[in-house]
Amino acid sequence: MKVTAIIPDELVKETQTLSNARNITEAMIIALNSYISLEKLKAMGEAIKKNPLQFKFSAEEIRDLNRQ
């Protein structure tokens, strides 16, 4: 998809430098993928916070089961 966007030059250059991208397009793709991944991780963290994992057995019980 072609997009025209007004982005400050310094922001683009820093993004390109930090991402080790060969060109602006690659830098923007890396930045957008990173942003999406970060937001998905945040959402997952919030979901786990609301409904924490619960384990059926304690560590001690699992060790005992494994020894049998």
N, C-alpha and C. Protein backbone atom coordinates (compact mmCIF):
# COMPACT_ATOMS: atom_id res chain seq x y z
N MET A 1 0.84 -1.16 0.00
CA MET A 1 0.00 0.00 0.00
C MET A 1 0.89 1.23 0.00
N LYS A 2 0.57 2.15 -0.84
CA LYS A 2 1.31 3.40 -0.87
C LYS A 2 0.62 4.38 0.05
N VAL A 3 1.44 5.10 0.83
CA VAL A 3 0.91 6.06 1.79
C VAL A 3 1.75 7.32 1.73
N THR A 4 1.07 8.45 1.80
CA THR A 4 1.77 9.71 1.92
C THR A 4 1.56 10.18 3.34
N ALA A 5 2.64 10.41 4.05
CA ALA A 5 2.55 10.85 5.43
C ALA A 5 3.61 11.91 5.70
N ILE A 6 3.25 12.85 6.54
CA ILE A 6 4.20 13.89 6.92
C ILE A 6 4.79 13.47 8.26
N ILE A 7 6.04 13.02 8.22
CA ILE A 7 6.74 12.53 9.41
C ILE A 7 8.03 13.33 9.53
N PRO A 8 8.33 13.81 10.74
CA PRO A 8 9.57 14.59 10.91
C PRO A 8 10.80 13.78 10.46
N ASP A 9 11.69 14.45 9.75
CA ASP A 9 12.90 13.81 9.21
C ASP A 9 13.72 13.13 10.30
N GLU A 10 13.87 13.81 11.44
CA GLU A 10 14.69 13.24 12.51
C GLU A 10 14.10 11.94 13.04
N LEU A 11 12.78 11.87 13.12
CA LEU A 11 12.12 10.65 13.58
C LEU A 11 12.35 9.50 12.60
N VAL A 12 12.27 9.80 11.33
CA VAL A 12 12.50 8.78 10.30
C VAL A 12 13.96 8.32 10.34
N LYS A 13 14.88 9.26 10.43
CA LYS A 13 16.31 8.91 10.45
C LYS A 13 16.65 8.08 11.67
N GLU A 14 16.11 8.45 12.84
CA GLU A 14 16.39 7.69 14.06
C GLU A 14 15.79 6.29 13.98
N THR A 15 14.59 6.20 13.44
CA THR A 15 13.96 4.89 13.26
C THR A 15 14.79 4.02 12.33
N GLN A 16 15.27 4.59 11.25
CA GLN A 16 16.08 3.86 10.29
C GLN A 16 17.40 3.42 10.93
N THR A 17 18.00 4.27 11.73
CA THR A 17 19.26 3.94 12.40
C THR A 17 19.06 2.82 13.42
N LEU A 18 18.07 2.99 14.28
CA LEU A 18 17.84 2.01 15.35
C LEU A 18 17.40 0.65 14.82
N SER A 19 16.69 0.66 13.70
CA SER A 19 16.20 -0.61 13.14
C SER A 19 17.20 -1.25 12.19
N ASN A 20 18.30 -0.55 11.91
CA ASN A 20 19.29 -1.02 10.93
C ASN A 20 18.65 -1.31 9.57
N ALA A 21 17.65 -0.52 9.24
CA ALA A 21 16.95 -0.70 7.97
C ALA A 21 17.77 -0.11 6.82
N ARG A 22 17.60 -0.72 5.65
CA ARG A 22 18.33 -0.25 4.47
C ARG A 22 17.68 0.98 3.86
N ASN A 23 16.36 1.13 4.07
CA ASN A 23 15.66 2.27 3.50
C ASN A 23 14.49 2.67 4.39
N ILE A 24 13.81 3.74 4.04
CA ILE A 24 12.72 4.25 4.85
C ILE A 24 11.57 3.26 4.92
N THR A 25 11.24 2.63 3.81
CA THR A 25 10.14 1.67 3.80
C THR A 25 10.39 0.53 4.77
N GLU A 26 11.59 -0.02 4.73
CA GLU A 26 11.94 -1.13 5.63
C GLU A 26 11.88 -0.65 7.09
N ALA A 27 12.34 0.56 7.34
CA ALA A 27 12.32 1.10 8.70
C ALA A 27 10.88 1.24 9.20
N MET A 28 10.00 1.72 8.35
CA MET A 28 8.60 1.89 8.75
C MET A 28 7.92 0.53 8.99
N ILE A 29 8.24 -0.46 8.17
CA ILE A 29 7.68 -1.80 8.36
C ILE A 29 8.15 -2.38 9.69
N ILE A 30 9.44 -2.25 9.98
CA ILE A 30 9.99 -2.76 11.24
C ILE A 30 9.34 -2.03 12.42
N ALA A 31 9.22 -0.72 12.33
CA ALA A 31 8.64 0.07 13.42
C ALA A 31 7.18 -0.31 13.65
N LEU A 32 6.42 -0.44 12.58
CA LEU A 32 5.00 -0.80 12.72
C LEU A 32 4.83 -2.20 13.27
N ASN A 33 5.65 -3.15 12.81
CA ASN A 33 5.58 -4.52 13.35
C ASN A 33 5.94 -4.54 14.84
N SER A 34 6.94 -3.76 15.21
CA SER A 34 7.33 -3.68 16.62
C SER A 34 6.21 -3.10 17.47
N TYR A 35 5.57 -2.06 16.97
CA TYR A 35 4.47 -1.43 17.69
C TYR A 35 3.31 -2.41 17.87
N ILE A 36 2.96 -3.10 16.81
CA ILE A 36 1.87 -4.08 16.88
C ILE A 36 2.20 -5.18 17.87
N SER A 37 3.40 -5.70 17.83
CA SER A 37 3.82 -6.75 18.76
C SER A 37 3.74 -6.27 20.20
N LEU A 38 4.21 -5.05 20.45
CA LEU A 38 4.19 -4.48 21.80
C LEU A 38 2.76 -4.35 22.31
N GLU A 39 1.86 -3.86 21.46
CA GLU A 39 0.47 -3.69 21.88
C GLU A 39 -0.20 -5.04 22.15
N LYS A 40 0.13 -6.06 21.35
CA LYS A 40 -0.42 -7.40 21.59
C LYS A 40 0.09 -7.97 22.91
N LEU A 41 1.37 -7.73 23.23
CA LEU A 41 1.92 -8.18 24.51
C LEU A 41 1.25 -7.48 25.68
N LYS A 42 1.01 -6.18 25.53
CA LYS A 42 0.32 -5.44 26.59
C LYS A 42 -1.08 -6.00 26.80
N ALA A 43 -1.79 -6.26 25.72
CA ALA A 43 -3.15 -6.81 25.83
C ALA A 43 -3.13 -8.18 26.48
N MET A 44 -2.15 -9.00 26.13
CA MET A 44 -2.03 -10.32 26.72
C MET A 44 -1.74 -10.21 28.22
N GLY A 45 -0.87 -9.29 28.58
CA GLY A 45 -0.55 -9.06 29.99
C GLY A 45 -1.78 -8.62 30.77
N GLU A 46 -2.58 -7.75 30.20
CA GLU A 46 -3.80 -7.30 30.86
C GLU A 46 -4.79 -8.46 31.01
N ALA A 47 -4.89 -9.31 29.99
CA ALA A 47 -5.79 -10.45 30.06
C ALA A 47 -5.36 -11.42 31.16
N ILE A 48 -4.06 -11.63 31.28
CA ILE A 48 -3.54 -12.53 32.32
C ILE A 48 -3.74 -11.89 33.69
N LYS A 49 -3.59 -10.57 33.76
CA LYS A 49 -3.78 -9.88 35.04
C LYS A 49 -5.24 -10.02 35.51
N LYS A 50 -6.17 -9.93 34.57
CA LYS A 50 -7.59 -10.05 34.91
C LYS A 50 -7.99 -11.47 35.25
N ASN A 51 -7.36 -12.44 34.59
CA ASN A 51 -7.68 -13.84 34.81
C ASN A 51 -6.38 -14.62 34.93
N PRO A 52 -5.73 -14.56 36.11
CA PRO A 52 -4.41 -15.18 36.28
C PRO A 52 -4.44 -16.69 36.08
N LEU A 53 -3.30 -17.20 35.67
CA LEU A 53 -3.16 -18.64 35.53
C LEU A 53 -3.25 -19.28 36.90
N GLN A 54 -3.93 -20.41 36.96
CA GLN A 54 -4.04 -21.14 38.21
C GLN A 54 -3.56 -22.55 37.97
N PHE A 55 -2.72 -23.01 38.85
CA PHE A 55 -2.15 -24.33 38.69
C PHE A 55 -2.86 -25.30 39.63
N LYS A 56 -3.07 -26.50 39.13
CA LYS A 56 -3.79 -27.52 39.89
C LYS A 56 -2.91 -28.08 41.00
N PHE A 57 -1.62 -28.19 40.75
CA PHE A 57 -0.70 -28.79 41.71
C PHE A 57 0.37 -27.79 42.11
N SER A 58 0.90 -27.96 43.31
CA SER A 58 2.03 -27.13 43.74
C SER A 58 3.31 -27.74 43.17
N ALA A 59 4.39 -27.01 43.26
CA ALA A 59 5.68 -27.52 42.76
C ALA A 59 6.06 -28.79 43.49
N GLU A 60 5.82 -28.82 44.78
CA GLU A 60 6.15 -30.00 45.59
C GLU A 60 5.34 -31.22 45.12
N GLU A 61 4.06 -31.03 44.84
CA GLU A 61 3.21 -32.13 44.39
C GLU A 61 3.65 -32.65 43.02
N ILE A 62 4.06 -31.75 42.16
CA ILE A 62 4.52 -32.17 40.83
C ILE A 62 5.81 -32.97 40.95
N ARG A 63 6.72 -32.52 41.82
CA ARG A 63 7.97 -33.29 42.04
C ARG A 63 7.64 -34.69 42.54
N ASP A 64 6.72 -34.78 43.47
CA ASP A 64 6.32 -36.11 44.00
C ASP A 64 5.72 -36.98 42.91
N LEU A 65 4.90 -36.38 42.05
CA LEU A 65 4.30 -37.15 40.95
C LEU A 65 5.37 -37.64 39.98
N ASN A 66 6.34 -36.78 39.70
CA ASN A 66 7.42 -37.16 38.77
C ASN A 66 8.31 -38.26 39.32
N ARG A 67 8.41 -38.34 40.62
CA ARG A 67 9.26 -39.37 41.24
C ARG A 67 8.60 -40.73 41.26
N GLN A 68 7.31 -40.76 41.06
CA GLN A 68 6.59 -42.04 41.10
C GLN A 68 6.75 -42.83 39.83
